[in-house]
Amino acid sequence: MINYERHSPSSLNLFAASQAMFVLEKILGLKQPVGAVAHRGSAVEAGLAYGLGDPEAAEKDCIRLALARYDLLTAMSGDVRREKYRDDIPDMVSQALDELAPYGVPSDSQGFVTWHPEGLRLPIIGYFDFKWEQHGIIVDLKTTDKMPSKIKAAHARQVSMYSGDNHQGRLTYCTPKKCQTLELENIRQHRQALYNIAVKVENFLALSEDPNFFPGITAPDLDSFYWGSPAARALAFEIWGV
């Protein structure tokens, strides 16, 4: 039996990017460990949320909180990049605070959103990072090593679902050197794309109730970063024989 009861923007984007990894994590239940780069993002967001929520908070306290969160999340991590990404956190928190503090105190953070349009068997759920109801704006924070020139398609689909028709969706990209906020255009088009992927996922899952059926119709791309870890590559060989 397949234990997949709801969609999320991240699971739908994973299906679009790597059906084999979707099979591994969402159908076979073999979720891969989160690396230090993802923990960096969570830590920066925690420090930013603290500073935005309390305009009187000192920047150094926001950074201290972010570093403590990172150390907790990576305490058992064997990622060789752990210290490198830790060193990025102070500048990222500082840059993000400078970028978003002018918006004022958010009306909500880590808010739950659910969308169950007609035509889907399962709902799509997710959590936005920050909302300013007074401005009609929702912002998702993305930490990155290289600043993109435009909003990435996967991020556009994600934020389109959070913003709906009543809020303006924005992406704040943050590197240790720079932070910029990009406004999402064509929200309905990106939300339709997310819906279309969800339909394909449901059609895919309808092929069988046996999880072991799906490795037989997929194949991992070992050149993709999704399969970069030794553990993931070992599973690719064990399950797919590649």
C-alpha atoms as a PDB file:
ATOM      1  CA  MET A   1       0.000   0.000   0.000  1.00  0.00           C
ATOM      2  CA  ILE A   2       1.261   3.466  -0.857  1.00  0.00           C
ATOM      3  CA  ASN A   3       1.260   5.982   1.998  1.00  0.00           C
ATOM      4  CA  TYR A   4       0.854   9.194   0.043  1.00  0.00           C
ATOM      5  CA  GLU A   5      -2.083  11.198   1.343  1.00  0.00           C
ATOM      6  CA  ARG A   6      -1.466  14.781   0.262  1.00  0.00           C
ATOM      7  CA  HIS A   7       0.581  16.805  -2.170  1.00  0.00           C
ATOM      8  CA  SER A   8       2.971  19.616  -1.332  1.00  0.00           C
ATOM      9  CA  PRO A   9       4.806  22.022  -3.633  1.00  0.00           C
ATOM     10  CA  SER A  10       8.077  20.333  -2.684  1.00  0.00           C
ATOM     11  CA  SER A  11       6.823  16.820  -3.497  1.00  0.00           C
ATOM     12  CA  LEU A  12       5.327  17.992  -6.797  1.00  0.00           C
ATOM     13  CA  ASN A  13       8.530  19.798  -7.740  1.00  0.00           C
ATOM     14  CA  LEU A  14      10.467  16.646  -6.841  1.00  0.00           C
ATOM     15  CA  PHE A  15       8.274  14.583  -9.178  1.00  0.00           C
ATOM     16  CA  ALA A  16       8.908  17.079 -11.985  1.00  0.00           C
ATOM     17  CA  ALA A  17      12.673  17.047 -11.363  1.00  0.00           C
ATOM     18  CA  SER A  18      13.320  13.362 -10.584  1.00  0.00           C
ATOM     19  CA  GLN A  19      10.584  10.749 -10.749  1.00  0.00           C
ATOM     20  CA  ALA A  20      12.978   8.108  -9.434  1.00  0.00           C
ATOM     21  CA  MET A  21      13.768  10.147  -6.311  1.00  0.00           C
ATOM     22  CA  PHE A  22      10.023  10.739  -5.890  1.00  0.00           C
ATOM     23  CA  VAL A  23       9.565   6.968  -5.983  1.00  0.00           C
ATOM     24  CA  LEU A  24      12.379   6.451  -3.472  1.00  0.00           C
ATOM     25  CA  GLU A  25      11.150   9.016  -0.949  1.00  0.00           C
ATOM     26  CA  LYS A  26       7.393   9.302  -1.407  1.00  0.00           C
ATOM     27  CA  ILE A  27       6.433   5.781  -2.493  1.00  0.00           C
ATOM     28  CA  LEU A  28       9.086   3.534  -0.975  1.00  0.00           C
ATOM     29  CA  GLY A  29       9.406   5.783   2.091  1.00  0.00           C
ATOM     30  CA  LEU A  30      13.218   5.970   1.987  1.00  0.00           C
ATOM     31  CA  LYS A  31      13.607   9.672   2.686  1.00  0.00           C
ATOM     32  CA  GLN A  32      17.135  10.957   2.172  1.00  0.00           C
ATOM     33  CA  PRO A  33      18.944  12.925   4.893  1.00  0.00           C
ATOM     34  CA  VAL A  34      18.883  16.697   4.619  1.00  0.00           C
ATOM     35  CA  GLY A  35      22.312  18.203   4.017  1.00  0.00           C
ATOM     36  CA  ALA A  36      24.001  21.125   5.736  1.00  0.00           C
ATOM     37  CA  VAL A  37      22.958  23.534   2.975  1.00  0.00           C
ATOM     38  CA  ALA A  38      19.272  22.993   3.816  1.00  0.00           C
ATOM     39  CA  HIS A  39      19.981  23.413   7.532  1.00  0.00           C
ATOM     40  CA  ARG A  40      21.713  26.698   6.714  1.00  0.00           C
ATOM     41  CA  GLY A  41      18.472  27.907   5.163  1.00  0.00           C
ATOM     42  CA  SER A  42      16.414  26.870   8.193  1.00  0.00           C
ATOM     43  CA  ALA A  43      18.861  28.590  10.534  1.00  0.00           C
ATOM     44  CA  VAL A  44      18.894  31.859   8.584  1.00  0.00           C
ATOM     45  CA  GLU A  45      15.092  31.835   8.478  1.00  0.00           C
ATOM     46  CA  ALA A  46      14.950  31.356  12.259  1.00  0.00           C
ATOM     47  CA  GLY A  47      17.262  34.303  12.875  1.00  0.00           C
ATOM     48  CA  LEU A  48      15.340  36.442  10.391  1.00  0.00           C
ATOM     49  CA  ALA A  49      11.973  35.554  11.933  1.00  0.00           C
ATOM     50  CA  TYR A  50      13.259  36.564  15.353  1.00  0.00           C
ATOM     51  CA  GLY A  51      14.493  39.914  14.104  1.00  0.00           C
ATOM     52  CA  LEU A  52      11.407  40.711  12.033  1.00  0.00           C
ATOM     53  CA  GLY A  53       9.101  39.776  14.890  1.00  0.00           C
ATOM     54  CA  ASP A  54      10.848  42.111  17.319  1.00  0.00           C
ATOM     55  CA  PRO A  55      12.095  45.364  15.761  1.00  0.00           C
ATOM     56  CA  GLU A  56      14.024  46.051  18.970  1.00  0.00           C
ATOM     57  CA  ALA A  57      16.015  42.823  18.669  1.00  0.00           C
ATOM     58  CA  ALA A  58      19.739  43.318  18.215  1.00  0.00           C
ATOM     59  CA  GLU A  59      21.225  41.916  15.013  1.00  0.00           C
ATOM     60  CA  LYS A  60      23.845  40.031  17.004  1.00  0.00           C
ATOM     61  CA  ASP A  61      21.073  38.216  18.898  1.00  0.00           C
ATOM     62  CA  CYS A  62      19.405  37.219  15.621  1.00  0.00           C
ATOM     63  CA  ILE A  63      22.715  35.836  14.409  1.00  0.00           C
ATOM     64  CA  ARG A  64      23.352  34.052  17.697  1.00  0.00           C
ATOM     65  CA  LEU A  65      19.936  32.375  17.496  1.00  0.00           C
ATOM     66  CA  ALA A  66      20.538  31.342  13.879  1.00  0.00           C
ATOM     67  CA  LEU A  67      23.911  29.808  14.705  1.00  0.00           C
ATOM     68  CA  ALA A  68      22.450  27.935  17.667  1.00  0.00           C
ATOM     69  CA  ARG A  69      19.686  26.542  15.438  1.00  0.00           C
ATOM     70  CA  TYR A  70      22.238  25.454  12.842  1.00  0.00           C
ATOM     71  CA  ASP A  71      24.440  23.767  15.449  1.00  0.00           C
ATOM     72  CA  LEU A  72      21.418  21.876  16.771  1.00  0.00           C
ATOM     73  CA  LEU A  73      20.271  20.752  13.331  1.00  0.00           C
ATOM     74  CA  THR A  74      23.743  19.646  12.239  1.00  0.00           C
ATOM     75  CA  ALA A  75      24.921  18.151  15.530  1.00  0.00           C
ATOM     76  CA  MET A  76      24.977  14.638  14.053  1.00  0.00           C
ATOM     77  CA  SER A  77      25.784  15.678  10.495  1.00  0.00           C
ATOM     78  CA  GLY A  78      28.709  14.158   8.639  1.00  0.00           C
ATOM     79  CA  ASP A  79      28.493  16.752   5.864  1.00  0.00           C
ATOM     80  CA  VAL A  80      32.037  17.919   5.130  1.00  0.00           C
ATOM     81  CA  ARG A  81      30.670  21.371   4.231  1.00  0.00           C
ATOM     82  CA  ARG A  82      29.212  21.905   7.697  1.00  0.00           C
ATOM     83  CA  GLU A  83      31.678  24.587   8.837  1.00  0.00           C
ATOM     84  CA  LYS A  84      31.680  26.351   5.473  1.00  0.00           C
ATOM     85  CA  TYR A  85      27.926  26.805   5.540  1.00  0.00           C
ATOM     86  CA  ARG A  86      28.020  27.837   9.202  1.00  0.00           C
ATOM     87  CA  ASP A  87      30.396  30.648   8.309  1.00  0.00           C
ATOM     88  CA  ASP A  88      27.828  31.986   5.800  1.00  0.00           C
ATOM     89  CA  ILE A  89      25.062  32.433   8.382  1.00  0.00           C
ATOM     90  CA  PRO A  90      25.996  35.780  10.022  1.00  0.00           C
ATOM     91  CA  ASP A  91      26.209  37.639   6.708  1.00  0.00           C
ATOM     92  CA  MET A  92      23.050  35.986   5.388  1.00  0.00           C
ATOM     93  CA  VAL A  93      21.042  36.955   8.465  1.00  0.00           C
ATOM     94  CA  SER A  94      22.350  40.506   8.277  1.00  0.00           C
ATOM     95  CA  GLN A  95      21.554  40.800   4.561  1.00  0.00           C
ATOM     96  CA  ALA A  96      18.046  39.350   4.983  1.00  0.00           C
ATOM     97  CA  LEU A  97      17.229  41.686   7.870  1.00  0.00           C
ATOM     98  CA  ASP A  98      18.305  44.716   5.841  1.00  0.00           C
ATOM     99  CA  GLU A  99      16.165  43.496   2.947  1.00  0.00           C
ATOM    100  CA  LEU A 100      12.929  42.700   4.774  1.00  0.00           C
ATOM    101  CA  ALA A 101      12.882  44.867   7.910  1.00  0.00           C
ATOM    102  CA  PRO A 102      11.389  47.808   5.933  1.00  0.00           C
ATOM    103  CA  TYR A 103       8.236  45.710   5.423  1.00  0.00           C
ATOM    104  CA  GLY A 104       7.554  45.946   9.159  1.00  0.00           C
ATOM    105  CA  VAL A 105       6.508  43.200  11.548  1.00  0.00           C
ATOM    106  CA  PRO A 106       4.975  40.233   9.685  1.00  0.00           C
ATOM    107  CA  SER A 107       1.348  39.485  10.428  1.00  0.00           C
ATOM    108  CA  ASP A 108       2.123  35.758  10.201  1.00  0.00           C
ATOM    109  CA  SER A 109       5.044  33.395   9.674  1.00  0.00           C
ATOM    110  CA  GLN A 110       5.181  29.698   8.846  1.00  0.00           C
ATOM    111  CA  GLY A 111       1.495  29.901   7.963  1.00  0.00           C
ATOM    112  CA  PHE A 112      -0.332  26.783   6.798  1.00  0.00           C
ATOM    113  CA  VAL A 113      -1.965  26.871   3.362  1.00  0.00           C
ATOM    114  CA  THR A 114      -4.185  24.200   1.835  1.00  0.00           C
ATOM    115  CA  TRP A 115      -5.573  24.124  -1.696  1.00  0.00           C
ATOM    116  CA  HIS A 116      -7.898  21.415  -2.950  1.00  0.00           C
ATOM    117  CA  PRO A 117      -9.067  22.379  -6.441  1.00  0.00           C
ATOM    118  CA  GLU A 118     -11.690  20.429  -8.334  1.00  0.00           C
ATOM    119  CA  GLY A 119     -10.136  17.605 -10.315  1.00  0.00           C
ATOM    120  CA  LEU A 120      -7.625  16.523  -7.679  1.00  0.00           C
ATOM    121  CA  ARG A 121      -8.210  13.578  -5.362  1.00  0.00           C
ATOM    122  CA  LEU A 122      -5.713  14.902  -2.806  1.00  0.00           C
ATOM    123  CA  PRO A 123      -5.173  18.436  -1.458  1.00  0.00           C
ATOM    124  CA  ILE A 124      -1.968  20.432  -1.888  1.00  0.00           C
ATOM    125  CA  ILE A 125      -0.636  21.763   1.412  1.00  0.00           C
ATOM    126  CA  GLY A 126       2.326  23.919   2.350  1.00  0.00           C
ATOM    127  CA  TYR A 127       3.747  26.545   4.693  1.00  0.00           C
ATOM    128  CA  PHE A 128       4.736  30.058   3.608  1.00  0.00           C
ATOM    129  CA  ASP A 129       7.605  31.852   5.321  1.00  0.00           C
ATOM    130  CA  PHE A 130       6.294  35.372   5.956  1.00  0.00           C
ATOM    131  CA  LYS A 131       3.082  37.302   5.371  1.00  0.00           C
ATOM    132  CA  TRP A 132       2.402  41.008   5.639  1.00  0.00           C
ATOM    133  CA  GLU A 133      -1.385  41.198   5.495  1.00  0.00           C
ATOM    134  CA  GLN A 134      -1.197  44.975   5.772  1.00  0.00           C
ATOM    135  CA  HIS A 135       0.669  45.065   2.470  1.00  0.00           C
ATOM    136  CA  GLY A 136      -0.999  42.029   0.849  1.00  0.00           C
ATOM    137  CA  ILE A 137       2.414  40.371   0.452  1.00  0.00           C
ATOM    138  CA  ILE A 138       3.724  36.850   1.030  1.00  0.00           C
ATOM    139  CA  VAL A 139       7.487  36.270   0.915  1.00  0.00           C
ATOM    140  CA  ASP A 140       9.424  33.026   0.741  1.00  0.00           C
ATOM    141  CA  LEU A 141      13.098  33.132   1.718  1.00  0.00           C
ATOM    142  CA  LYS A 142      15.669  31.174  -0.290  1.00  0.00           C
ATOM    143  CA  THR A 143      19.313  30.995   0.745  1.00  0.00           C
ATOM    144  CA  THR A 144      21.706  30.235  -2.063  1.00  0.00           C
ATOM    145  CA  ASP A 145      25.380  30.343  -2.990  1.00  0.00           C
ATOM    146  CA  LYS A 146      24.733  32.011  -6.343  1.00  0.00           C
ATOM    147  CA  MET A 147      22.207  34.773  -6.919  1.00  0.00           C
ATOM    148  CA  PRO A 148      19.709  33.832  -9.671  1.00  0.00           C
ATOM    149  CA  SER A 149      18.819  36.406 -12.305  1.00  0.00           C
ATOM    150  CA  LYS A 150      15.132  35.451 -12.170  1.00  0.00           C
ATOM    151  CA  ILE A 151      12.741  33.395 -10.065  1.00  0.00           C
ATOM    152  CA  LYS A 152      13.299  29.684 -10.519  1.00  0.00           C
ATOM    153  CA  ALA A 153      10.346  27.761 -11.952  1.00  0.00           C
ATOM    154  CA  ALA A 154      10.018  25.434  -8.955  1.00  0.00           C
ATOM    155  CA  HIS A 155      10.005  28.404  -6.579  1.00  0.00           C
ATOM    156  CA  ALA A 156       7.433  30.190  -8.742  1.00  0.00           C
ATOM    157  CA  ARG A 157       5.075  27.211  -8.539  1.00  0.00           C
ATOM    158  CA  GLN A 158       5.557  27.018  -4.786  1.00  0.00           C
ATOM    159  CA  VAL A 159       4.859  30.684  -4.049  1.00  0.00           C
ATOM    160  CA  SER A 160       1.943  30.850  -6.487  1.00  0.00           C
ATOM    161  CA  MET A 161       0.135  28.316  -4.327  1.00  0.00           C
ATOM    162  CA  TYR A 162       0.846  30.280  -1.132  1.00  0.00           C
ATOM    163  CA  SER A 163      -0.199  33.660  -2.501  1.00  0.00           C
ATOM    164  CA  GLY A 164      -3.410  32.598  -4.222  1.00  0.00           C
ATOM    165  CA  ASP A 165      -5.382  35.441  -5.813  1.00  0.00           C
ATOM    166  CA  ASN A 166      -5.395  37.728  -2.779  1.00  0.00           C
ATOM    167  CA  HIS A 167      -1.702  38.294  -2.095  1.00  0.00           C
ATOM    168  CA  GLN A 168       1.330  39.354  -4.042  1.00  0.00           C
ATOM    169  CA  GLY A 169       3.966  36.627  -4.041  1.00  0.00           C
ATOM    170  CA  ARG A 170       7.656  37.432  -3.694  1.00  0.00           C
ATOM    171  CA  LEU A 171      10.915  35.475  -3.455  1.00  0.00           C
ATOM    172  CA  THR A 172      13.787  36.827  -1.388  1.00  0.00           C
ATOM    173  CA  TYR A 173      17.054  35.246  -2.496  1.00  0.00           C
ATOM    174  CA  CYS A 174      19.939  35.651  -0.081  1.00  0.00           C
ATOM    175  CA  THR A 175      23.647  34.929  -0.455  1.00  0.00           C
ATOM    176  CA  PRO A 176      26.391  35.923   2.005  1.00  0.00           C
ATOM    177  CA  LYS A 177      27.121  38.920  -0.238  1.00  0.00           C
ATOM    178  CA  LYS A 178      23.746  40.051  -1.519  1.00  0.00           C
ATOM    179  CA  CYS A 179      20.018  39.855  -0.969  1.00  0.00           C
ATOM    180  CA  GLN A 180      17.294  40.693  -3.482  1.00  0.00           C
ATOM    181  CA  THR A 181      13.529  40.317  -3.609  1.00  0.00           C
ATOM    182  CA  LEU A 182      11.777  39.429  -6.863  1.00  0.00           C
ATOM    183  CA  GLU A 183       8.054  39.785  -7.445  1.00  0.00           C
ATOM    184  CA  LEU A 184       6.251  36.787  -8.903  1.00  0.00           C
ATOM    185  CA  GLU A 185       4.339  37.516 -12.082  1.00  0.00           C
ATOM    186  CA  ASN A 186       1.721  35.344 -13.812  1.00  0.00           C
ATOM    187  CA  ILE A 187       0.678  33.760 -10.515  1.00  0.00           C
ATOM    188  CA  ARG A 188      -2.298  31.918 -12.002  1.00  0.00           C
ATOM    189  CA  GLN A 189      -0.120  30.430 -14.741  1.00  0.00           C
ATOM    190  CA  HIS A 190       2.363  29.043 -12.213  1.00  0.00           C
ATOM    191  CA  ARG A 191      -0.428  27.745  -9.997  1.00  0.00           C
ATOM    192  CA  GLN A 192      -1.951  25.997 -13.005  1.00  0.00           C
ATOM    193  CA  ALA A 193       1.434  24.380 -13.656  1.00  0.00           C
ATOM    194  CA  LEU A 194       1.489  23.100 -10.068  1.00  0.00           C
ATOM    195  CA  TYR A 195      -2.023  21.716 -10.551  1.00  0.00           C
ATOM    196  CA  ASN A 196      -1.004  20.029 -13.808  1.00  0.00           C
ATOM    197  CA  ILE A 197       1.905  18.280 -12.081  1.00  0.00           C
ATOM    198  CA  ALA A 198      -0.428  17.130  -9.294  1.00  0.00           C
ATOM    199  CA  VAL A 199      -2.742  15.575 -11.885  1.00  0.00           C
ATOM    200  CA  LYS A 200       0.221  13.701 -13.368  1.00  0.00           C
ATOM    201  CA  VAL A 201       1.291  12.474  -9.930  1.00  0.00           C
ATOM    202  CA  GLU A 202      -2.198  11.118  -9.264  1.00  0.00           C
ATOM    203  CA  ASN A 203      -2.276   9.415 -12.666  1.00  0.00           C
ATOM    204  CA  PHE A 204       1.155   7.953 -11.924  1.00  0.00           C
ATOM    205  CA  LEU A 205       0.091   6.646  -8.508  1.00  0.00           C
ATOM    206  CA  ALA A 206      -3.068   5.151  -9.997  1.00  0.00           C
ATOM    207  CA  LEU A 207      -0.965   2.688 -11.991  1.00  0.00           C
ATOM    208  CA  SER A 208      -0.555   0.358  -9.027  1.00  0.00           C
ATOM    209  CA  GLU A 209      -1.136   0.004  -5.288  1.00  0.00           C
ATOM    210  CA  ASP A 210       2.124  -1.936  -4.981  1.00  0.00           C
ATOM    211  CA  PRO A 211       5.091   0.346  -4.126  1.00  0.00           C
ATOM    212  CA  ASN A 212       7.497  -2.136  -5.685  1.00  0.00           C
ATOM    213  CA  PHE A 213       5.861  -1.652  -9.086  1.00  0.00           C
ATOM    214  CA  PHE A 214       7.266   1.862  -9.548  1.00  0.00           C
ATOM    215  CA  PRO A 215      11.018   1.187  -9.705  1.00  0.00           C
ATOM    216  CA  GLY A 216      10.192  -0.930 -12.751  1.00  0.00           C
ATOM    217  CA  ILE A 217       8.965   2.087 -14.737  1.00  0.00           C
ATOM    218  CA  THR A 218      11.538   4.677 -13.593  1.00  0.00           C
ATOM    219  CA  ALA A 219      15.318   5.061 -13.606  1.00  0.00           C
ATOM    220  CA  PRO A 220      17.580   7.394 -11.594  1.00  0.00           C
ATOM    221  CA  ASP A 221      19.875   9.863 -13.310  1.00  0.00           C
ATOM    222  CA  LEU A 222      23.090   9.426 -11.332  1.00  0.00           C
ATOM    223  CA  ASP A 223      24.505  12.655 -12.768  1.00  0.00           C
ATOM    224  CA  SER A 224      21.750  14.593 -10.986  1.00  0.00           C
ATOM    225  CA  PHE A 225      22.564  16.171  -7.623  1.00  0.00           C
ATOM    226  CA  TYR A 226      19.601  14.267  -6.186  1.00  0.00           C
ATOM    227  CA  TRP A 227      21.750  11.150  -6.380  1.00  0.00           C
ATOM    228  CA  GLY A 228      25.027  12.732  -5.346  1.00  0.00           C
ATOM    229  CA  SER A 229      25.379  11.175  -1.897  1.00  0.00           C
ATOM    230  CA  PRO A 230      26.984   7.728  -1.502  1.00  0.00           C
ATOM    231  CA  ALA A 231      23.876   6.509   0.335  1.00  0.00           C
ATOM    232  CA  ALA A 232      21.567   7.545  -2.501  1.00  0.00           C
ATOM    233  CA  ARG A 233      23.815   5.962  -5.109  1.00  0.00           C
ATOM    234  CA  ALA A 234      23.919   2.739  -3.114  1.00  0.00           C
ATOM    235  CA  LEU A 235      20.117   2.686  -3.074  1.00  0.00           C
ATOM    236  CA  ALA A 236      20.044   3.362  -6.816  1.00  0.00           C
ATOM    237  CA  PHE A 237      22.130   0.257  -7.340  1.00  0.00           C
ATOM    238  CA  GLU A 238      20.157  -1.815  -4.832  1.00  0.00           C
ATOM    239  CA  ILE A 239      16.706  -0.870  -6.125  1.00  0.00           C
ATOM    240  CA  TRP A 240      17.248  -0.004  -9.793  1.00  0.00           C
ATOM    241  CA  GLY A 241      20.466  -1.902 -10.514  1.00  0.00           C
ATOM    242  CA  VAL A 242      22.215   1.160 -11.958  1.00  0.00           C
END
